[in-house]
C-alpha cells in the first residue's frame, strides 16, 4: 500500500496501518537521523544522544503528520512529513541541550557554534562504546557490522585505503600524510581518494536509503 493509503487508514485509528507507515518510511527517517546527528556529532555525543534517539523522535514526527495530511493538496505524504521529521529530531536535540545547560551552567555547550563547525569527517559517526549502555553497545556493534559490509561493497582499492587510514585492521588511525606515503599518493590525490571512498561507503550504509 502507498503512504497515502496507509495514512488514510492510520487516520481512522488503524494501528497496523500506523505501524506500516512508520516501517515504510524508516529508511528515510534513518537517513535524516544520520544527517542531523552527524552535523553536530560532538554535541550529540556530549549530550548522550544516539542515532536511535533521533530515529525515534523522527518516527514520532511522522506519526504527528497523519491527521494533518491533506491528500487533495497534491503533495505526497512523505513530502509533507519530511520537514516535521527533521524538526522533531532538532527539537529533541535542543531539549536535551537545554536540560544539559541547566545542570552545567559553568560549562555551557553552544549548539550554534558546534553546528557551524564543518571540519567533521564522515568516519566520525562511530560512537564511543565506553559510554554506552549494554543495549546501546549491541546497537553500535550492529552499525559497525553495517560499516564493514559497506566497505566490502566499494572498490577494493578504496576499501584498502579506508581500512588503513582509519585503522580497521590494526586499530590505529593513520594520518593523511602517512596514508598517502603508504599508498604512494600525493596528499591531494589521497584527499580526493578518501573523499570519494567515504562517499561510496556512505551510499552503501542502510540508513542512506
Foldseek 3Di string as FASTA:
>chain_A
DFLVVLLVVVLVVDPVSLVVNLVVCLLQLLQLLLVVCQLQVVLCLVLVHASVNLSVQLSVLLSVCSNVDDVVVVDGSCVVSVVSSNVSSVVVSVVSLVVVCVVCVPDRDDPVVSSPPPPGDPVPNQHDLVPDDPVVNVVSVVQVVLLVVLLVPDDPVLSVLVCQCCVVPNNDHDDLVVSCVVVVHDSVVSVVSPVVSSVSSCVSGSSND
